[in-house]
């Protein structure tokens, strides 16, 4: 008996593409990349390039000089700093272009998050020690692996939850630390806040390296708190070369 052509096509697609990946749609793209950065998809890792699409399930990793700026379909923006790892867990968009689900996991490193046009209920940002819900927000956070999650907010509100409960963090420049046991600590003294922001909050002190639409009002923290430390000649604070070329085919 002859096999219908359509059935043959379905068989070929199922063999070539992993289950659930055949018709995966991009949920955003990398609009600026500083090497080194990699993207892992379906178990295969490639060098991430500017212009490359991002899909649910992707894992983005940077080395000590890497940086990635991600623009999603609903205008949500995430900047990934050096020595960082981000998983795009599950992002689904409605026909209106707004997300009905926007879930990502920041496993390690420093990040900036600027919410887009989707409803606040769609967003879920997870770290090994915290879960964050947002309300029209711009904030930076650092995941220190076994040491917890630190956050500084510039506008809006983050409902930050750990093992011990939840805390509403509202800005400008409200800074909070959450340890692995679920204990919150507000960072209020200028000296303590300055030390915190210069320890992993890459985009606060290096905001000029971001595209203008990834910048926010970090001056709400005060010039004396966020002022960039003077670097010595020959050190590693010189801006790395950016790769803004098109993605490879």
Foldseek 3Di string as FASTA:
>chain_A
DDDDPVVVVVVVLPVVDPPPGSPWDFFWFWQWKFPDKWKADPRDIDGHFHAGTDTAFIKMAHAQQIKTWIAGQQRKIKIFHHGWMKHFHDWDADPVSATQAGEMETEFAKMWIADGDHDQVRYWYHYLFKIKGFDRFTWMKGQHHQFFIKIFTCAGWIFIFGPVGTDIAGDDGWIWTAGNVGDIDTDDDLVSLLVVCVPRVVCLQPVVVDDPSRDDPSCRSPCVSRHHDDDDPPDDPPRGDMRNDHDDD
